[in-house]
């Protein structure tokens, strides 16, 4: 099938260079490149699982997280309210 496409100059140069290097017709190179590109577009991108590494933060000596109000009072001071 014939159709008209607008191809960027850099893509045209690269396709012609590949065709010359492989001694393959330009039409074949373009069709193979389009097939490969369409295969990539159809496949969803592989996503790596996001991993977090836990880090023990700890508390300073004398601090306790059992009572948050008390902890905030110790950290911020009684006058902060």
PDB file of N, CA and C in Angstrom:
ATOM      1  N   UNK A   1       0.844  -1.162   0.000  1.00  0.00           N
ATOM      2  CA  UNK A   1       0.000   0.000   0.000  1.00  0.00           C
ATOM      3  C   UNK A   1       0.897   1.235   0.000  1.00  0.00           C
ATOM      4  N   UNK A   2       0.507   2.212  -0.741  1.00  0.00           N
ATOM      5  CA  UNK A   2       1.269   3.454  -0.810  1.00  0.00           C
ATOM      6  C   UNK A   2       0.601   4.517   0.032  1.00  0.00           C
ATOM      7  N   UNK A   3       1.445   5.300   0.702  1.00  0.00           N
ATOM      8  CA  UNK A   3       0.952   6.426   1.476  1.00  0.00           C
ATOM      9  C   UNK A   3       2.062   7.470   1.551  1.00  0.00           C
ATOM     10  N   UNK A   4       1.713   8.670   1.898  1.00  0.00           N
ATOM     11  CA  UNK A   4       2.699   9.735   2.018  1.00  0.00           C
ATOM     12  C   UNK A   4       2.923  10.031   3.488  1.00  0.00           C
ATOM     13  N   UNK A   5       4.188  10.043   3.883  1.00  0.00           N
ATOM     14  CA  UNK A   5       4.561  10.341   5.263  1.00  0.00           C
ATOM     15  C   UNK A   5       5.555  11.492   5.278  1.00  0.00           C
ATOM     16  N   UNK A   6       5.514  12.269   6.330  1.00  0.00           N
ATOM     17  CA  UNK A   6       6.535  13.286   6.559  1.00  0.00           C
ATOM     18  C   UNK A   6       7.514  12.710   7.570  1.00  0.00           C
ATOM     19  N   UNK A   7       8.760  12.523   7.144  1.00  0.00           N
ATOM     20  CA  UNK A   7       9.784  11.931   7.996  1.00  0.00           C
ATOM     21  C   UNK A   7      10.839  12.988   8.283  1.00  0.00           C
ATOM     22  N   UNK A   8      11.199  13.140   9.539  1.00  0.00           N
ATOM     23  CA  UNK A   8      12.236  14.101   9.913  1.00  0.00           C
ATOM     24  C   UNK A   8      13.551  13.754   9.226  1.00  0.00           C
ATOM     25  N   UNK A   9      14.332  14.783   8.946  1.00  0.00           N
ATOM     26  CA  UNK A   9      15.587  14.601   8.214  1.00  0.00           C
ATOM     27  C   UNK A   9      16.540  13.630   8.904  1.00  0.00           C
ATOM     28  N   UNK A  10      16.666  13.751  10.238  1.00  0.00           N
ATOM     29  CA  UNK A  10      17.604  12.876  10.947  1.00  0.00           C
ATOM     30  C   UNK A  10      17.169  11.405  10.878  1.00  0.00           C
ATOM     31  N   UNK A  11      15.856  11.166  10.911  1.00  0.00           N
ATOM     32  CA  UNK A  11      15.338   9.801  10.822  1.00  0.00           C
ATOM     33  C   UNK A  11      15.569   9.251   9.417  1.00  0.00           C
ATOM     34  N   UNK A  12      15.352  10.084   8.412  1.00  0.00           N
ATOM     35  CA  UNK A  12      15.564   9.672   7.019  1.00  0.00           C
ATOM     36  C   UNK A  12      17.029   9.311   6.787  1.00  0.00           C
ATOM     37  N   UNK A  13      17.933  10.144   7.280  1.00  0.00           N
ATOM     38  CA  UNK A  13      19.366   9.872   7.112  1.00  0.00           C
ATOM     39  C   UNK A  13      19.756   8.571   7.796  1.00  0.00           C
ATOM     40  N   UNK A  14      19.254   8.371   8.987  1.00  0.00           N
ATOM     41  CA  UNK A  14      19.586   7.147   9.722  1.00  0.00           C
ATOM     42  C   UNK A  14      19.035   5.907   9.021  1.00  0.00           C
ATOM     43  N   UNK A  15      17.803   5.983   8.556  1.00  0.00           N
ATOM     44  CA  UNK A  15      17.191   4.840   7.856  1.00  0.00           C
ATOM     45  C   UNK A  15      17.952   4.523   6.571  1.00  0.00           C
ATOM     46  N   UNK A  16      18.337   5.552   5.843  1.00  0.00           N
ATOM     47  CA  UNK A  16      19.105   5.321   4.605  1.00  0.00           C
ATOM     48  C   UNK A  16      20.484   4.750   4.912  1.00  0.00           C
ATOM     49  N   UNK A  17      21.103   5.208   5.989  1.00  0.00           N
ATOM     50  CA  UNK A  17      22.419   4.686   6.365  1.00  0.00           C
ATOM     51  C   UNK A  17      22.322   3.208   6.753  1.00  0.00           C
ATOM     52  N   UNK A  18      21.284   2.855   7.498  1.00  0.00           N
ATOM     53  CA  UNK A  18      21.091   1.454   7.884  1.00  0.00           C
ATOM     54  C   UNK A  18      20.821   0.598   6.650  1.00  0.00           C
ATOM     55  N   UNK A  19      19.999   1.107   5.743  1.00  0.00           N
ATOM     56  CA  UNK A  19      19.699   0.367   4.514  1.00  0.00           C
ATOM     57  C   UNK A  19      20.969   0.127   3.706  1.00  0.00           C
ATOM     58  N   UNK A  20      21.817   1.135   3.611  1.00  0.00           N
ATOM     59  CA  UNK A  20      23.071   0.982   2.863  1.00  0.00           C
ATOM     60  C   UNK A  20      24.008   0.011   3.568  1.00  0.00           C
ATOM     61  N   UNK A  21      24.110   0.126   4.882  1.00  0.00           N
ATOM     62  CA  UNK A  21      24.998  -0.737   5.660  1.00  0.00           C
ATOM     63  C   UNK A  21      24.603  -2.205   5.537  1.00  0.00           C
ATOM     64  N   UNK A  22      23.292  -2.468   5.542  1.00  0.00           N
ATOM     65  CA  UNK A  22      22.796  -3.844   5.483  1.00  0.00           C
ATOM     66  C   UNK A  22      22.504  -4.313   4.059  1.00  0.00           C
ATOM     67  N   UNK A  23      22.720  -3.437   3.094  1.00  0.00           N
ATOM     68  CA  UNK A  23      22.401  -3.750   1.683  1.00  0.00           C
ATOM     69  C   UNK A  23      20.961  -4.238   1.566  1.00  0.00           C
ATOM     70  N   UNK A  24      20.074  -3.511   2.212  1.00  0.00           N
ATOM     71  CA  UNK A  24      18.656  -3.847   2.249  1.00  0.00           C
ATOM     72  C   UNK A  24      17.880  -2.670   1.690  1.00  0.00           C
ATOM     73  N   UNK A  25      16.798  -2.932   0.971  1.00  0.00           N
ATOM     74  CA  UNK A  25      16.008  -1.816   0.434  1.00  0.00           C
ATOM     75  C   UNK A  25      15.494  -0.900   1.547  1.00  0.00           C
ATOM     76  N   UNK A  26      15.439   0.391   1.246  1.00  0.00           N
ATOM     77  CA  UNK A  26      14.961   1.403   2.183  1.00  0.00           C
ATOM     78  C   UNK A  26      13.566   1.058   2.686  1.00  0.00           C
ATOM     79  N   UNK A  27      12.708   0.607   1.797  1.00  0.00           N
ATOM     80  CA  UNK A  27      11.329   0.250   2.150  1.00  0.00           C
ATOM     81  C   UNK A  27      11.304  -0.828   3.236  1.00  0.00           C
ATOM     82  N   UNK A  28      12.177  -1.817   3.123  1.00  0.00           N
ATOM     83  CA  UNK A  28      12.238  -2.911   4.095  1.00  0.00           C
ATOM     84  C   UNK A  28      12.677  -2.398   5.461  1.00  0.00           C
ATOM     85  N   UNK A  29      13.680  -1.532   5.471  1.00  0.00           N
ATOM     86  CA  UNK A  29      14.171  -0.970   6.730  1.00  0.00           C
ATOM     87  C   UNK A  29      13.070  -0.175   7.426  1.00  0.00           C
ATOM     88  N   UNK A  30      12.369   0.658   6.673  1.00  0.00           N
ATOM     89  CA  UNK A  30      11.301   1.476   7.251  1.00  0.00           C
ATOM     90  C   UNK A  30      10.191   0.595   7.811  1.00  0.00           C
ATOM     91  N   UNK A  31       9.784  -0.439   7.055  1.00  0.00           N
ATOM     92  CA  UNK A  31       8.722  -1.334   7.536  1.00  0.00           C
ATOM     93  C   UNK A  31       9.142  -2.090   8.789  1.00  0.00           C
ATOM     94  N   UNK A  32      10.389  -2.579   8.831  1.00  0.00           N
ATOM     95  CA  UNK A  32      10.862  -3.301  10.014  1.00  0.00           C
ATOM     96  C   UNK A  32      10.939  -2.365  11.223  1.00  0.00           C
ATOM     97  N   UNK A  33      11.392  -1.145  10.995  1.00  0.00           N
ATOM     98  CA  UNK A  33      11.487  -0.177  12.089  1.00  0.00           C
ATOM     99  C   UNK A  33      10.096   0.174  12.615  1.00  0.00           C
ATOM    100  N   UNK A  34       9.142   0.337  11.737  1.00  0.00           N
ATOM    101  CA  UNK A  34       7.770   0.630  12.173  1.00  0.00           C
ATOM    102  C   UNK A  34       7.175  -0.531  12.952  1.00  0.00           C
ATOM    103  N   UNK A  35       7.408  -1.746  12.485  1.00  0.00           N
ATOM    104  CA  UNK A  35       6.899  -2.923  13.213  1.00  0.00           C
ATOM    105  C   UNK A  35       7.498  -2.987  14.613  1.00  0.00           C
ATOM    106  N   UNK A  36       8.816  -2.803  14.697  1.00  0.00           N
ATOM    107  CA  UNK A  36       9.488  -2.848  16.008  1.00  0.00           C
ATOM    108  C   UNK A  36       8.971  -1.739  16.915  1.00  0.00           C
ATOM    109  N   UNK A  37       8.798  -0.557  16.363  1.00  0.00           N
ATOM    110  CA  UNK A  37       8.292   0.561  17.144  1.00  0.00           C
ATOM    111  C   UNK A  37       6.867   0.338  17.608  1.00  0.00           C
ATOM    112  N   UNK A  38       6.032  -0.206  16.752  1.00  0.00           N
ATOM    113  CA  UNK A  38       4.644  -0.472  17.128  1.00  0.00           C
ATOM    114  C   UNK A  38       4.567  -1.557  18.196  1.00  0.00           C
ATOM    115  N   UNK A  39       5.454  -2.555  18.114  1.00  0.00           N
ATOM    116  CA  UNK A  39       5.493  -3.581  19.157  1.00  0.00           C
ATOM    117  C   UNK A  39       5.827  -2.954  20.508  1.00  0.00           C
ATOM    118  N   UNK A  40       6.755  -2.013  20.506  1.00  0.00           N
ATOM    119  CA  UNK A  40       7.139  -1.337  21.751  1.00  0.00           C
ATOM    120  C   UNK A  40       5.983  -0.514  22.306  1.00  0.00           C
ATOM    121  N   UNK A  41       5.262   0.151  21.437  1.00  0.00           N
ATOM    122  CA  UNK A  41       4.153   1.001  21.860  1.00  0.00           C
ATOM    123  C   UNK A  41       3.027   0.161  22.460  1.00  0.00           C
ATOM    124  N   UNK A  42       2.779  -1.007  21.880  1.00  0.00           N
ATOM    125  CA  UNK A  42       1.680  -1.857  22.355  1.00  0.00           C
ATOM    126  C   UNK A  42       1.972  -2.519  23.699  1.00  0.00           C
ATOM    127  N   UNK A  43       3.239  -2.788  23.983  1.00  0.00           N
ATOM    128  CA  UNK A  43       3.592  -3.444  25.239  1.00  0.00           C
ATOM    129  C   UNK A  43       3.657  -2.405  26.347  1.00  0.00           C
ATOM    130  N   UNK A  44       3.036  -2.701  27.477  1.00  0.00           N
ATOM    131  CA  UNK A  44       3.140  -1.747  28.590  1.00  0.00           C
ATOM    132  C   UNK A  44       4.578  -1.707  29.100  1.00  0.00           C
ATOM    133  N   UNK A  45       4.986  -0.555  29.552  1.00  0.00           N
ATOM    134  CA  UNK A  45       6.340  -0.395  30.076  1.00  0.00           C
ATOM    135  C   UNK A  45       6.508  -1.236  31.336  1.00  0.00           C
ATOM    136  N   UNK A  46       7.645  -1.882  31.441  1.00  0.00           N
ATOM    137  CA  UNK A  46       7.918  -2.681  32.630  1.00  0.00           C
ATOM    138  C   UNK A  46       8.236  -1.724  33.766  1.00  0.00           C
ATOM    139  N   UNK A  47       7.523  -1.904  34.852  1.00  0.00           N
ATOM    140  CA  UNK A  47       7.729  -1.048  36.007  1.00  0.00           C
ATOM    141  C   UNK A  47       8.391  -1.843  37.117  1.00  0.00           C
ATOM    142  N   UNK A  48       9.426  -1.246  37.666  1.00  0.00           N
ATOM    143  CA  UNK A  48      10.090  -1.881  38.791  1.00  0.00           C
ATOM    144  C   UNK A  48       9.316  -1.556  40.063  1.00  0.00           C
ATOM    145  N   UNK A  49       9.257  -2.531  40.941  1.00  0.00           N
ATOM    146  CA  UNK A  49       8.580  -2.312  42.215  1.00  0.00           C
ATOM    147  C   UNK A  49       9.351  -1.282  43.014  1.00  0.00           C
ATOM    148  N   UNK A  50       8.612  -0.407  43.652  1.00  0.00           N
ATOM    149  CA  UNK A  50       9.226   0.604  44.503  1.00  0.00           C
ATOM    150  C   UNK A  50       9.545  -0.030  45.851  1.00  0.00           C
ATOM    151  N   UNK A  51      10.777   0.083  46.264  1.00  0.00           N
ATOM    152  CA  UNK A  51      11.184  -0.508  47.530  1.00  0.00           C
ATOM    153  C   UNK A  51      11.674   0.588  48.462  1.00  0.00           C
ATOM    154  N   UNK A  52      11.261   0.497  49.688  1.00  0.00           N
ATOM    155  CA  UNK A  52      11.774   1.411  50.701  1.00  0.00           C
ATOM    156  C   UNK A  52      12.603   0.611  51.696  1.00  0.00           C
ATOM    157  N   UNK A  53      13.629   1.243  52.176  1.00  0.00           N
ATOM    158  CA  UNK A  53      14.466   0.595  53.168  1.00  0.00           C
ATOM    159  C   UNK A  53      14.166   1.223  54.524  1.00  0.00           C
ATOM    160  N   UNK A  54      13.663   0.440  55.460  1.00  0.00           N
ATOM    161  CA  UNK A  54      13.349   0.997  56.779  1.00  0.00           C
ATOM    162  C   UNK A  54      14.628   1.407  57.505  1.00  0.00           C
ATOM    163  N   UNK A  55      14.492   2.431  58.279  1.00  0.00           N
ATOM    164  CA  UNK A  55      15.622   2.939  59.054  1.00  0.00           C
ATOM    165  C   UNK A  55      15.137   3.201  60.470  1.00  0.00           C
ATOM    166  N   UNK A  56      15.826   2.657  61.416  1.00  0.00           N
ATOM    167  CA  UNK A  56      15.430   2.862  62.806  1.00  0.00           C
ATOM    168  C   UNK A  56      15.772   4.289  63.208  1.00  0.00           C
ATOM    169  N   UNK A  57      14.764   5.057  63.536  1.00  0.00           N
ATOM    170  CA  UNK A  57      14.982   6.447  63.909  1.00  0.00           C
ATOM    171  C   UNK A  57      15.334   6.564  65.395  1.00  0.00           C
ATOM    172  N   UNK A  58      14.654   5.817  66.205  1.00  0.00           N
ATOM    173  CA  UNK A  58      14.913   5.854  67.637  1.00  0.00           C
ATOM    174  C   UNK A  58      14.519   7.191  68.257  1.00  0.00           C
ATOM    175  N   UNK A  59      14.524   7.242  69.548  1.00  0.00           N
ATOM    176  CA  UNK A  59      14.224   8.466  70.291  1.00  0.00           C
ATOM    177  C   UNK A  59      15.396   8.773  71.214  1.00  0.00           C
ATOM    178  N   UNK A  60      15.529  10.021  71.551  1.00  0.00           N
ATOM    179  CA  UNK A  60      16.540  10.404  72.528  1.00  0.00           C
ATOM    180  C   UNK A  60      16.193   9.793  73.887  1.00  0.00           C
ATOM    181  N   UNK A  61      17.209   9.623  74.670  1.00  0.00           N
ATOM    182  CA  UNK A  61      17.015   9.082  76.022  1.00  0.00           C
ATOM    183  C   UNK A  61      16.046   9.972  76.800  1.00  0.00           C
ATOM    184  N   UNK A  62      15.076   9.390  77.434  1.00  0.00           N
ATOM    185  CA  UNK A  62      14.115  10.130  78.241  1.00  0.00           C
ATOM    186  C   UNK A  62      12.845  10.474  77.481  1.00  0.00           C
ATOM    187  N   UNK A  63      12.767  10.197  76.194  1.00  0.00           N
ATOM    188  CA  UNK A  63      11.565  10.475  75.405  1.00  0.00           C
ATOM    189  C   UNK A  63      10.756   9.187  75.253  1.00  0.00           C
ATOM    190  N   UNK A  64       9.429   9.330  75.165  1.00  0.00           N
ATOM    191  CA  UNK A  64       8.564   8.171  75.068  1.00  0.00           C
ATOM    192  C   UNK A  64       7.429   8.504  74.100  1.00  0.00           C
ATOM    193  N   UNK A  65       7.152   7.624  73.165  1.00  0.00           N
ATOM    194  CA  UNK A  65       6.090   7.900  72.176  1.00  0.00           C
ATOM    195  C   UNK A  65       4.724   7.375  72.614  1.00  0.00           C
ATOM    196  N   UNK A  66       4.638   6.833  73.793  1.00  0.00           N
ATOM    197  CA  UNK A  66       3.352   6.316  74.272  1.00  0.00           C
ATOM    198  C   UNK A  66       2.346   7.437  74.518  1.00  0.00           C
ATOM    199  N   UNK A  67       2.831   8.619  74.879  1.00  0.00           N
ATOM    200  CA  UNK A  67       1.960   9.754  75.126  1.00  0.00           C
ATOM    201  C   UNK A  67       2.430  10.902  74.219  1.00  0.00           C
ATOM    202  N   UNK A  68       1.774  11.057  73.102  1.00  0.00           N
ATOM    203  CA  UNK A  68       2.184  12.037  72.102  1.00  0.00           C
ATOM    204  C   UNK A  68       2.115  13.459  72.642  1.00  0.00           C
ATOM    205  N   UNK A  69       1.067  13.782  73.407  1.00  0.00           N
ATOM    206  CA  UNK A  69       0.942  15.132  73.959  1.00  0.00           C
ATOM    207  C   UNK A  69       2.130  15.472  74.857  1.00  0.00           C
ATOM    208  N   UNK A  70       2.516  14.529  75.668  1.00  0.00           N
ATOM    209  CA  UNK A  70       3.653  14.742  76.556  1.00  0.00           C
ATOM    210  C   UNK A  70       4.947  14.907  75.747  1.00  0.00           C
ATOM    211  N   UNK A  71       5.098  14.078  74.732  1.00  0.00           N
ATOM    212  CA  UNK A  71       6.288  14.161  73.884  1.00  0.00           C
ATOM    213  C   UNK A  71       6.362  15.513  73.182  1.00  0.00           C
ATOM    214  N   UNK A  72       5.236  15.980  72.632  1.00  0.00           N
ATOM    215  CA  UNK A  72       5.212  17.291  71.974  1.00  0.00           C
ATOM    216  C   UNK A  72       5.530  18.410  72.960  1.00  0.00           C
ATOM    217  N   UNK A  73       5.007  18.288  74.164  1.00  0.00           N
ATOM    218  CA  UNK A  73       5.293  19.300  75.189  1.00  0.00           C
ATOM    219  C   UNK A  73       6.776  19.328  75.514  1.00  0.00           C
ATOM    220  N   UNK A  74       7.401  18.162  75.582  1.00  0.00           N
ATOM    221  CA  UNK A  74       8.836  18.092  75.855  1.00  0.00           C
ATOM    222  C   UNK A  74       9.637  18.708  74.705  1.00  0.00           C
ATOM    223  N   UNK A  75       9.252  18.415  73.495  1.00  0.00           N
ATOM    224  CA  UNK A  75      10.006  18.883  72.321  1.00  0.00           C
ATOM    225  C   UNK A  75       9.781  20.376  72.086  1.00  0.00           C
ATOM    226  N   UNK A  76       8.523  20.800  72.090  1.00  0.00           N
ATOM    227  CA  UNK A  76       8.202  22.174  71.738  1.00  0.00           C
ATOM    228  C   UNK A  76       8.238  23.113  72.945  1.00  0.00           C
ATOM    229  N   UNK A  77       8.111  22.576  74.109  1.00  0.00           N
ATOM    230  CA  UNK A  77       8.074  23.395  75.310  1.00  0.00           C
ATOM    231  C   UNK A  77       6.642  23.698  75.680  1.00  0.00           C
ATOM    232  N   UNK A  78       6.394  23.969  76.918  1.00  0.00           N
ATOM    233  CA  UNK A  78       5.031  24.208  77.417  1.00  0.00           C
ATOM    234  C   UNK A  78       4.459  25.501  76.868  1.00  0.00           C
ATOM    235  N   UNK A  79       5.280  26.489  76.523  1.00  0.00           N
ATOM    236  CA  UNK A  79       4.799  27.793  76.078  1.00  0.00           C
ATOM    237  C   UNK A  79       4.338  27.801  74.613  1.00  0.00           C
ATOM    238  N   UNK A  80       4.494  26.716  73.908  1.00  0.00           N
ATOM    239  CA  UNK A  80       4.171  26.708  72.471  1.00  0.00           C
ATOM    240  C   UNK A  80       2.683  26.638  72.168  1.00  0.00           C
ATOM    241  N   UNK A  81       1.864  26.363  73.160  1.00  0.00           N
ATOM    242  CA  UNK A  81       0.420  26.217  72.932  1.00  0.00           C
ATOM    243  C   UNK A  81      -0.227  27.517  72.846  1.00  0.00           C
TER     244      UNK A  81
END
